[in-house]
Amino acid sequence: MNTNSLQQHVNEPTRGNNILDLIMTTIDLSINGLEVTDKIGDHQMMVFSLEVQDPNTRTQHKQVLDYKRANFELKKHELGNHNYEVLMSNKNAEECYMILKDKIATATEHHIPRTQIRPTNNPPWFSQEIDASSIQDNIRTENSNDTIQNPIVKNISTPAGLFSER
């Protein structure tokens, strides 16, 4: 379970001497007051409270690299000023990779500024361009003289004849 970042919260038997009923959460999720109580059938009931944060009240800002304000020429110049033959002589492939990775990370920190972004409930692929496009589509639909008629569902075959023309 640890390899999947899960934590098992039930530590006492729930059926006879066995732990058959599980409560698994991600490690950062908090379970409080877990009690194994009265029996329901041949299993014992579990009562607990789960602390969750309302996603609409998040105030954490995330820092990301601001590539629009990056100075790629200076980054390129900094990366070109190293003598990689000397730095990587007598090193194995893993050590060479770590040297190169460190040099790139350092140059990135020096020449690509960070910016804070506000948390959003939108999925990661939902960009400002998509949002603006959907707003324009809504405006066009509202301003359109065309009305969309809802089709009437007629005589759909169902076992109980649930859907028929009204």
N, C-alpha and C. Protein backbone atom coordinates (compact mmCIF):
# COMPACT_ATOMS: atom_id res chain seq x y z
N MET A 1 0.82 -1.20 0.00
CA MET A 1 0.00 0.00 0.00
C MET A 1 0.86 1.26 0.00
N ASN A 2 2.03 1.22 0.64
CA ASN A 2 2.87 2.41 0.68
C ASN A 2 3.37 2.81 -0.70
N THR A 3 3.54 1.83 -1.60
CA THR A 3 4.01 2.17 -2.93
C THR A 3 2.96 2.97 -3.69
N ASN A 4 1.70 2.86 -3.30
CA ASN A 4 0.63 3.64 -3.92
C ASN A 4 0.21 4.82 -3.06
N SER A 5 0.98 5.15 -2.06
CA SER A 5 0.70 6.25 -1.14
C SER A 5 -0.64 6.10 -0.44
N LEU A 6 -0.97 4.88 -0.07
CA LEU A 6 -2.21 4.62 0.65
C LEU A 6 -1.91 4.21 2.08
N GLN A 7 -2.83 4.53 2.95
CA GLN A 7 -2.70 4.17 4.35
C GLN A 7 -3.96 3.43 4.77
N GLN A 8 -3.78 2.29 5.44
CA GLN A 8 -4.89 1.49 5.96
C GLN A 8 -5.16 1.94 7.39
N HIS A 9 -6.42 2.26 7.72
CA HIS A 9 -6.75 2.81 9.02
C HIS A 9 -7.36 1.81 9.99
N VAL A 10 -7.85 0.69 9.50
CA VAL A 10 -8.50 -0.29 10.38
C VAL A 10 -7.41 -1.22 10.93
N ASN A 11 -7.27 -1.24 12.26
CA ASN A 11 -6.23 -2.03 12.90
C ASN A 11 -6.77 -3.08 13.86
N GLU A 12 -8.09 -3.26 13.89
CA GLU A 12 -8.65 -4.27 14.76
C GLU A 12 -9.66 -5.10 13.98
N PRO A 13 -9.94 -6.32 14.45
CA PRO A 13 -10.80 -7.23 13.70
C PRO A 13 -12.21 -6.66 13.48
N THR A 14 -12.76 -6.93 12.30
CA THR A 14 -14.12 -6.50 11.98
C THR A 14 -15.04 -7.69 11.73
N ARG A 15 -14.48 -8.88 11.64
CA ARG A 15 -15.27 -10.10 11.51
C ARG A 15 -14.52 -11.22 12.18
N GLY A 16 -14.98 -11.65 13.33
CA GLY A 16 -14.25 -12.66 14.10
C GLY A 16 -12.91 -12.10 14.51
N ASN A 17 -11.84 -12.84 14.21
CA ASN A 17 -10.48 -12.38 14.53
C ASN A 17 -9.78 -11.77 13.30
N ASN A 18 -10.53 -11.48 12.25
CA ASN A 18 -9.93 -11.03 10.99
C ASN A 18 -10.31 -9.58 10.68
N ILE A 19 -9.38 -8.90 10.02
CA ILE A 19 -9.65 -7.54 9.52
C ILE A 19 -10.07 -7.69 8.07
N LEU A 20 -11.39 -7.68 7.84
CA LEU A 20 -11.90 -7.84 6.48
C LEU A 20 -12.39 -6.53 5.89
N ASP A 21 -12.79 -5.59 6.72
CA ASP A 21 -13.30 -4.31 6.24
C ASP A 21 -12.18 -3.28 6.32
N LEU A 22 -11.93 -2.62 5.21
CA LEU A 22 -10.79 -1.72 5.12
C LEU A 22 -11.24 -0.28 4.89
N ILE A 23 -10.48 0.64 5.42
CA ILE A 23 -10.62 2.06 5.10
C ILE A 23 -9.23 2.51 4.68
N MET A 24 -9.07 2.77 3.38
CA MET A 24 -7.78 3.19 2.85
C MET A 24 -7.91 4.60 2.30
N THR A 25 -6.93 5.43 2.63
CA THR A 25 -6.90 6.80 2.15
C THR A 25 -5.50 7.13 1.68
N THR A 26 -5.38 8.25 0.99
CA THR A 26 -4.04 8.74 0.71
C THR A 26 -3.45 9.18 2.04
N ILE A 27 -2.16 9.18 2.13
CA ILE A 27 -1.49 9.41 3.40
C ILE A 27 -1.82 10.78 3.99
N ASP A 28 -2.04 11.78 3.15
CA ASP A 28 -2.30 13.13 3.66
C ASP A 28 -3.76 13.37 4.06
N LEU A 29 -4.63 12.39 3.89
CA LEU A 29 -6.03 12.53 4.26
C LEU A 29 -6.21 12.07 5.70
N SER A 30 -6.96 12.81 6.48
CA SER A 30 -7.04 12.54 7.91
C SER A 30 -8.35 11.85 8.28
N ILE A 31 -8.23 10.68 8.94
CA ILE A 31 -9.37 9.94 9.50
C ILE A 31 -9.30 10.11 11.01
N ASN A 32 -10.41 10.50 11.62
CA ASN A 32 -10.43 10.70 13.07
C ASN A 32 -11.48 9.83 13.72
N GLY A 33 -11.21 9.43 14.95
CA GLY A 33 -12.20 8.75 15.79
C GLY A 33 -12.70 7.44 15.25
N LEU A 34 -11.84 6.66 14.60
CA LEU A 34 -12.27 5.38 14.05
C LEU A 34 -12.58 4.42 15.19
N GLU A 35 -13.80 3.89 15.17
CA GLU A 35 -14.22 2.92 16.18
C GLU A 35 -14.87 1.74 15.49
N VAL A 36 -14.50 0.55 15.92
CA VAL A 36 -15.19 -0.66 15.48
C VAL A 36 -16.24 -0.91 16.54
N THR A 37 -17.53 -0.87 16.14
CA THR A 37 -18.63 -0.91 17.11
C THR A 37 -19.51 -2.14 16.90
N ASP A 38 -20.79 -1.99 17.11
CA ASP A 38 -21.75 -3.08 17.09
C ASP A 38 -21.72 -3.87 15.78
N LYS A 39 -22.22 -5.10 15.89
CA LYS A 39 -22.28 -5.97 14.72
C LYS A 39 -23.49 -5.63 13.85
N ILE A 40 -23.27 -5.75 12.55
CA ILE A 40 -24.35 -5.73 11.58
C ILE A 40 -24.17 -7.03 10.80
N GLY A 41 -25.06 -7.97 11.01
CA GLY A 41 -24.87 -9.30 10.42
C GLY A 41 -23.68 -9.95 11.09
N ASP A 42 -22.73 -10.43 10.30
CA ASP A 42 -21.55 -11.07 10.88
C ASP A 42 -20.32 -10.16 10.84
N HIS A 43 -20.49 -8.90 10.48
CA HIS A 43 -19.40 -7.92 10.50
C HIS A 43 -19.68 -6.86 11.55
N GLN A 44 -18.60 -6.27 12.05
CA GLN A 44 -18.78 -5.17 12.98
C GLN A 44 -18.78 -3.85 12.21
N MET A 45 -19.55 -2.89 12.69
CA MET A 45 -19.69 -1.59 12.04
C MET A 45 -18.50 -0.71 12.42
N MET A 46 -18.08 0.14 11.47
CA MET A 46 -17.01 1.10 11.71
C MET A 46 -17.59 2.51 11.64
N VAL A 47 -17.23 3.34 12.60
CA VAL A 47 -17.68 4.73 12.64
C VAL A 47 -16.42 5.60 12.68
N PHE A 48 -16.40 6.65 11.84
CA PHE A 48 -15.23 7.53 11.81
C PHE A 48 -15.63 8.86 11.20
N SER A 49 -14.76 9.85 11.36
CA SER A 49 -14.97 11.12 10.68
C SER A 49 -13.79 11.34 9.73
N LEU A 50 -14.08 11.98 8.64
CA LEU A 50 -13.10 12.22 7.60
C LEU A 50 -12.97 13.73 7.43
N GLU A 51 -11.75 14.24 7.58
CA GLU A 51 -11.51 15.67 7.41
C GLU A 51 -11.13 15.94 5.97
N VAL A 52 -11.93 16.75 5.31
CA VAL A 52 -11.63 17.15 3.94
C VAL A 52 -11.72 18.66 3.84
N GLN A 53 -10.98 19.21 2.92
CA GLN A 53 -10.99 20.65 2.72
C GLN A 53 -11.90 20.96 1.54
N ASP A 54 -12.73 21.96 1.70
CA ASP A 54 -13.60 22.39 0.61
C ASP A 54 -12.71 22.93 -0.51
N PRO A 55 -12.79 22.34 -1.71
CA PRO A 55 -11.90 22.78 -2.78
C PRO A 55 -12.11 24.23 -3.18
N ASN A 56 -13.26 24.80 -2.84
CA ASN A 56 -13.52 26.19 -3.19
C ASN A 56 -12.87 27.17 -2.23
N THR A 57 -12.32 26.69 -1.11
CA THR A 57 -11.71 27.59 -0.13
C THR A 57 -10.19 27.53 -0.14
N ARG A 58 -9.63 26.84 -1.12
CA ARG A 58 -8.18 26.76 -1.20
C ARG A 58 -7.59 28.15 -1.45
N THR A 59 -6.53 28.47 -0.73
CA THR A 59 -5.91 29.77 -0.94
C THR A 59 -4.45 29.63 -1.35
N GLN A 60 -3.98 28.41 -1.49
CA GLN A 60 -2.59 28.22 -1.85
C GLN A 60 -2.38 28.64 -3.30
N HIS A 61 -1.30 29.35 -3.54
CA HIS A 61 -0.92 29.71 -4.89
C HIS A 61 0.22 28.82 -5.30
N LYS A 62 0.22 28.44 -6.54
CA LYS A 62 1.26 27.56 -7.07
C LYS A 62 2.25 28.40 -7.86
N GLN A 63 3.54 28.13 -7.67
CA GLN A 63 4.55 28.84 -8.43
C GLN A 63 4.95 28.00 -9.64
N VAL A 64 4.95 28.64 -10.80
CA VAL A 64 5.34 27.97 -12.04
C VAL A 64 6.34 28.85 -12.78
N LEU A 65 7.08 28.23 -13.69
CA LEU A 65 8.03 28.98 -14.50
C LEU A 65 7.26 29.83 -15.51
N ASP A 66 7.68 31.09 -15.67
CA ASP A 66 7.03 32.03 -16.58
C ASP A 66 7.88 32.11 -17.85
N TYR A 67 7.62 31.22 -18.79
CA TYR A 67 8.43 31.14 -20.01
C TYR A 67 8.26 32.37 -20.90
N LYS A 68 7.15 33.10 -20.75
CA LYS A 68 6.95 34.30 -21.56
C LYS A 68 7.96 35.39 -21.21
N ARG A 69 8.45 35.40 -19.97
CA ARG A 69 9.42 36.42 -19.54
C ARG A 69 10.84 35.86 -19.45
N ALA A 70 11.06 34.65 -19.97
CA ALA A 70 12.37 34.02 -19.88
C ALA A 70 13.39 34.70 -20.80
N ASN A 71 14.65 34.66 -20.37
CA ASN A 71 15.74 35.16 -21.19
C ASN A 71 16.54 33.94 -21.66
N PHE A 72 16.11 33.39 -22.79
CA PHE A 72 16.73 32.16 -23.28
C PHE A 72 18.14 32.39 -23.81
N GLU A 73 18.43 33.59 -24.28
CA GLU A 73 19.78 33.88 -24.76
C GLU A 73 20.79 33.82 -23.61
N LEU A 74 20.44 34.42 -22.46
CA LEU A 74 21.34 34.37 -21.31
C LEU A 74 21.46 32.94 -20.77
N LYS A 75 20.37 32.21 -20.80
CA LYS A 75 20.42 30.80 -20.34
C LYS A 75 21.34 30.00 -21.25
N LYS A 76 21.19 30.19 -22.54
CA LYS A 76 22.04 29.50 -23.51
C LYS A 76 23.51 29.89 -23.30
N HIS A 77 23.75 31.18 -23.05
CA HIS A 77 25.12 31.66 -22.82
C HIS A 77 25.71 31.03 -21.56
N GLU A 78 24.92 30.99 -20.48
CA GLU A 78 25.41 30.39 -19.23
C GLU A 78 25.74 28.91 -19.42
N LEU A 79 24.86 28.19 -20.11
CA LEU A 79 25.11 26.76 -20.32
C LEU A 79 26.32 26.54 -21.23
N GLY A 80 26.59 27.48 -22.13
CA GLY A 80 27.73 27.34 -23.04
C GLY A 80 29.06 27.72 -22.43
N ASN A 81 29.06 28.33 -21.24
CA ASN A 81 30.31 28.77 -20.61
C ASN A 81 30.98 27.70 -19.77
N HIS A 82 30.48 26.50 -19.78
CA HIS A 82 31.09 25.42 -18.99
C HIS A 82 31.95 24.55 -19.89
N ASN A 83 33.04 24.07 -19.34
CA ASN A 83 33.88 23.11 -20.05
C ASN A 83 33.42 21.71 -19.63
N TYR A 84 32.49 21.18 -20.40
CA TYR A 84 31.88 19.91 -20.03
C TYR A 84 32.86 18.74 -20.11
N GLU A 85 33.87 18.84 -20.96
CA GLU A 85 34.88 17.76 -21.03
C GLU A 85 35.62 17.64 -19.71
N VAL A 86 35.96 18.78 -19.11
CA VAL A 86 36.66 18.76 -17.82
C VAL A 86 35.69 18.33 -16.72
N LEU A 87 34.48 18.91 -16.72
CA LEU A 87 33.50 18.58 -15.68
C LEU A 87 33.14 17.09 -15.66
N MET A 88 33.12 16.47 -16.84
CA MET A 88 32.62 15.11 -16.92
C MET A 88 33.71 14.07 -17.13
N SER A 89 34.97 14.50 -17.10
CA SER A 89 36.05 13.52 -17.29
C SER A 89 36.09 12.55 -16.11
N ASN A 90 36.34 11.31 -16.40
CA ASN A 90 36.41 10.22 -15.41
C ASN A 90 35.10 10.04 -14.64
N LYS A 91 33.97 10.34 -15.27
CA LYS A 91 32.66 10.17 -14.64
C LYS A 91 31.89 9.10 -15.41
N ASN A 92 31.04 8.37 -14.70
CA ASN A 92 30.17 7.41 -15.39
C ASN A 92 28.95 8.16 -15.94
N ALA A 93 28.09 7.44 -16.64
CA ALA A 93 26.94 8.07 -17.30
C ALA A 93 26.01 8.73 -16.28
N GLU A 94 25.78 8.09 -15.15
CA GLU A 94 24.88 8.64 -14.14
C GLU A 94 25.44 9.94 -13.57
N GLU A 95 26.73 9.99 -13.30
CA GLU A 95 27.35 11.21 -12.77
C GLU A 95 27.31 12.34 -13.80
N CYS A 96 27.55 12.01 -15.07
CA CYS A 96 27.48 13.02 -16.13
C CYS A 96 26.06 13.57 -16.25
N TYR A 97 25.08 12.68 -16.17
CA TYR A 97 23.68 13.11 -16.22
C TYR A 97 23.38 14.07 -15.07
N MET A 98 23.83 13.75 -13.87
CA MET A 98 23.55 14.59 -12.71
C MET A 98 24.22 15.96 -12.84
N ILE A 99 25.43 16.01 -13.39
CA ILE A 99 26.12 17.29 -13.62
C ILE A 99 25.33 18.14 -14.61
N LEU A 100 24.95 17.53 -15.73
CA LEU A 100 24.20 18.26 -16.75
C LEU A 100 22.84 18.72 -16.22
N LYS A 101 22.16 17.84 -15.49
CA LYS A 101 20.86 18.19 -14.90
C LYS A 101 21.01 19.38 -13.95
N ASP A 102 22.04 19.38 -13.12
CA ASP A 102 22.29 20.48 -12.18
C ASP A 102 22.57 21.78 -12.91
N LYS A 103 23.36 21.74 -13.97
CA LYS A 103 23.70 22.95 -14.74
C LYS A 103 22.44 23.52 -15.41
N ILE A 104 21.60 22.66 -15.95
CA ILE A 104 20.36 23.13 -16.59
C ILE A 104 19.42 23.72 -15.55
N ALA A 105 19.28 23.06 -14.39
CA ALA A 105 18.40 23.57 -13.34
C ALA A 105 18.88 24.93 -12.83
N THR A 106 20.18 25.07 -12.65
CA THR A 106 20.74 26.34 -12.18
C THR A 106 20.50 27.45 -13.20
N ALA A 107 20.76 27.18 -14.48
CA ALA A 107 20.53 28.18 -15.52
C ALA A 107 19.04 28.53 -15.63
N THR A 108 18.19 27.56 -15.44
CA THR A 108 16.75 27.81 -15.47
C THR A 108 16.35 28.75 -14.34
N GLU A 109 16.86 28.49 -13.14
CA GLU A 109 16.54 29.36 -11.99
C GLU A 109 17.06 30.78 -12.20
N HIS A 110 18.20 30.92 -12.86
CA HIS A 110 18.79 32.25 -13.09
C HIS A 110 18.05 33.06 -14.15
N HIS A 111 17.49 32.39 -15.16
CA HIS A 111 17.02 33.12 -16.34
C HIS A 111 15.55 32.92 -16.70
N ILE A 112 14.85 32.10 -15.95
CA ILE A 112 13.40 31.96 -16.18
C ILE A 112 12.71 32.29 -14.87
N PRO A 113 12.04 33.44 -14.82
CA PRO A 113 11.39 33.84 -13.57
C PRO A 113 10.20 32.95 -13.25
N ARG A 114 9.81 32.99 -12.02
CA ARG A 114 8.62 32.25 -11.58
C ARG A 114 7.47 33.23 -11.40
N THR A 115 6.28 32.70 -11.53
CA THR A 115 5.09 33.49 -11.29
C THR A 115 4.11 32.64 -10.49
N GLN A 116 3.24 33.29 -9.75
CA GLN A 116 2.24 32.56 -8.98
C GLN A 116 0.95 32.49 -9.76
N ILE A 117 0.34 31.31 -9.71
CA ILE A 117 -0.97 31.17 -10.32
C ILE A 117 -1.97 30.81 -9.23
N ARG A 118 -3.18 31.29 -9.41
CA ARG A 118 -4.23 31.00 -8.45
C ARG A 118 -4.78 29.61 -8.71
N PRO A 119 -5.20 28.94 -7.64
CA PRO A 119 -5.82 27.64 -7.86
C PRO A 119 -7.16 27.82 -8.58
N THR A 120 -7.53 26.83 -9.33
CA THR A 120 -8.78 26.88 -10.08
C THR A 120 -9.45 25.52 -10.01
N ASN A 121 -10.73 25.51 -10.20
CA ASN A 121 -11.45 24.24 -10.23
C ASN A 121 -11.48 23.65 -11.63
N ASN A 122 -10.89 24.35 -12.59
CA ASN A 122 -10.87 23.86 -13.96
C ASN A 122 -9.80 22.79 -14.12
N PRO A 123 -10.00 21.85 -15.06
CA PRO A 123 -8.96 20.86 -15.32
C PRO A 123 -7.73 21.53 -15.92
N PRO A 124 -6.56 20.89 -15.84
CA PRO A 124 -5.31 21.52 -16.31
C PRO A 124 -5.34 21.94 -17.78
N TRP A 125 -6.07 21.23 -18.62
CA TRP A 125 -6.10 21.54 -20.05
C TRP A 125 -7.01 22.72 -20.36
N PHE A 126 -7.80 23.21 -19.39
CA PHE A 126 -8.76 24.29 -19.63
C PHE A 126 -8.02 25.62 -19.56
N SER A 127 -7.60 26.12 -20.71
CA SER A 127 -6.80 27.34 -20.77
C SER A 127 -7.68 28.58 -20.89
N GLN A 128 -7.05 29.74 -20.81
CA GLN A 128 -7.77 31.00 -20.98
C GLN A 128 -8.36 31.10 -22.38
N GLU A 129 -7.64 30.55 -23.37
CA GLU A 129 -8.13 30.59 -24.75
C GLU A 129 -9.41 29.78 -24.88
N ILE A 130 -9.46 28.61 -24.26
CA ILE A 130 -10.65 27.77 -24.32
C ILE A 130 -11.80 28.47 -23.60
N ASP A 131 -11.51 29.07 -22.44
CA ASP A 131 -12.53 29.79 -21.70
C ASP A 131 -13.10 30.94 -22.53
N ALA A 132 -12.22 31.72 -23.16
CA ALA A 132 -12.67 32.84 -23.99
C ALA A 132 -13.50 32.35 -25.17
N SER A 133 -13.09 31.23 -25.75
CA SER A 133 -13.82 30.66 -26.87
C SER A 133 -15.22 30.22 -26.45
N SER A 134 -15.34 29.60 -25.28
CA SER A 134 -16.65 29.14 -24.82
C SER A 134 -17.55 30.34 -24.49
N ILE A 135 -16.97 31.42 -23.98
CA ILE A 135 -17.76 32.63 -23.71
C ILE A 135 -18.28 33.21 -25.02
N GLN A 136 -17.43 33.25 -26.07
CA GLN A 136 -17.86 33.76 -27.37
C GLN A 136 -18.97 32.88 -27.95
N ASP A 137 -18.84 31.55 -27.80
CA ASP A 137 -19.89 30.65 -28.28
C ASP A 137 -21.20 30.92 -27.57
N ASN A 138 -21.15 31.17 -26.27
CA ASN A 138 -22.38 31.46 -25.51
C ASN A 138 -23.01 32.77 -25.97
N ILE A 139 -22.19 33.77 -26.22
CA ILE A 139 -22.71 35.06 -26.68
C ILE A 139 -23.38 34.89 -28.04
N ARG A 140 -22.73 34.14 -28.96
CA ARG A 140 -23.32 33.91 -30.28
C ARG A 140 -24.64 33.17 -30.17
N THR A 141 -24.71 32.19 -29.28
CA THR A 141 -25.95 31.42 -29.11
C THR A 141 -27.05 32.30 -28.55
N GLU A 142 -26.72 33.15 -27.57
CA GLU A 142 -27.72 34.03 -26.98
C GLU A 142 -28.23 35.06 -27.98
N ASN A 143 -27.37 35.53 -28.87
CA ASN A 143 -27.74 36.55 -29.84
C ASN A 143 -28.36 35.97 -31.10
N SER A 144 -28.37 34.68 -31.22
CA SER A 144 -28.88 34.03 -32.42
C SER A 144 -30.40 34.12 -32.46
N ASN A 145 -30.95 34.33 -33.65
CA ASN A 145 -32.40 34.34 -33.81
C ASN A 145 -32.95 32.94 -33.95
N ASP A 146 -32.07 31.99 -34.21
CA ASP A 146 -32.51 30.60 -34.37
C ASP A 146 -32.84 30.02 -33.01
N THR A 147 -33.91 29.28 -32.95
CA THR A 147 -34.24 28.58 -31.72
C THR A 147 -34.06 27.10 -31.97
N ILE A 148 -33.58 26.43 -30.99
CA ILE A 148 -33.35 25.00 -31.11
C ILE A 148 -34.56 24.30 -30.51
N GLN A 149 -35.17 23.45 -31.30
CA GLN A 149 -36.32 22.70 -30.84
C GLN A 149 -35.85 21.38 -30.24
N ASN A 150 -36.39 21.05 -29.10
CA ASN A 150 -36.07 19.75 -28.50
C ASN A 150 -36.88 18.68 -29.21
N PRO A 151 -36.23 17.62 -29.65
CA PRO A 151 -36.99 16.57 -30.32
C PRO A 151 -37.88 15.85 -29.31
N ILE A 152 -39.02 15.41 -29.77
CA ILE A 152 -39.93 14.67 -28.91
C ILE A 152 -39.60 13.19 -29.05
N VAL A 153 -39.46 12.53 -27.93
CA VAL A 153 -39.15 11.11 -27.93
C VAL A 153 -40.46 10.36 -28.12
N LYS A 154 -40.52 9.51 -29.15
CA LYS A 154 -41.75 8.78 -29.43
C LYS A 154 -41.48 7.29 -29.43
N ASN A 155 -42.29 6.56 -28.73
CA ASN A 155 -42.37 5.11 -28.79
C ASN A 155 -41.02 4.40 -28.82
N ILE A 156 -40.23 4.62 -27.82
CA ILE A 156 -38.98 3.89 -27.68
C ILE A 156 -39.31 2.54 -27.09
N SER A 157 -38.80 1.50 -27.71
CA SER A 157 -39.10 0.15 -27.22
C SER A 157 -38.33 -0.12 -25.95
N THR A 158 -39.04 -0.43 -24.91
CA THR A 158 -38.43 -0.84 -23.66
C THR A 158 -39.20 -2.04 -23.14
N PRO A 159 -38.58 -2.82 -22.27
CA PRO A 159 -39.29 -4.00 -21.76
C PRO A 159 -40.60 -3.64 -21.09
N ALA A 160 -40.66 -2.57 -20.35
CA ALA A 160 -41.87 -2.23 -19.63
C ALA A 160 -42.63 -1.11 -20.33
N GLY A 161 -42.17 -0.67 -21.50
CA GLY A 161 -42.82 0.42 -22.19
C GLY A 161 -42.74 1.72 -21.42
N LEU A 162 -41.60 1.96 -20.74
CA LEU A 162 -41.46 3.13 -19.90
C LEU A 162 -41.49 4.44 -20.65
N PHE A 163 -40.93 4.45 -21.86
CA PHE A 163 -40.84 5.68 -22.63
C PHE A 163 -41.82 5.62 -23.78
N SER A 164 -42.80 6.43 -23.74
CA SER A 164 -43.73 6.52 -24.87
C SER A 164 -44.12 7.98 -25.05
N GLU A 165 -44.76 8.28 -26.17
CA GLU A 165 -45.13 9.66 -26.46
C GLU A 165 -46.08 10.19 -25.40
N ARG A 166 -45.82 11.38 -24.96
CA ARG A 166 -46.66 11.99 -23.93
C ARG A 166 -47.62 12.94 -24.53
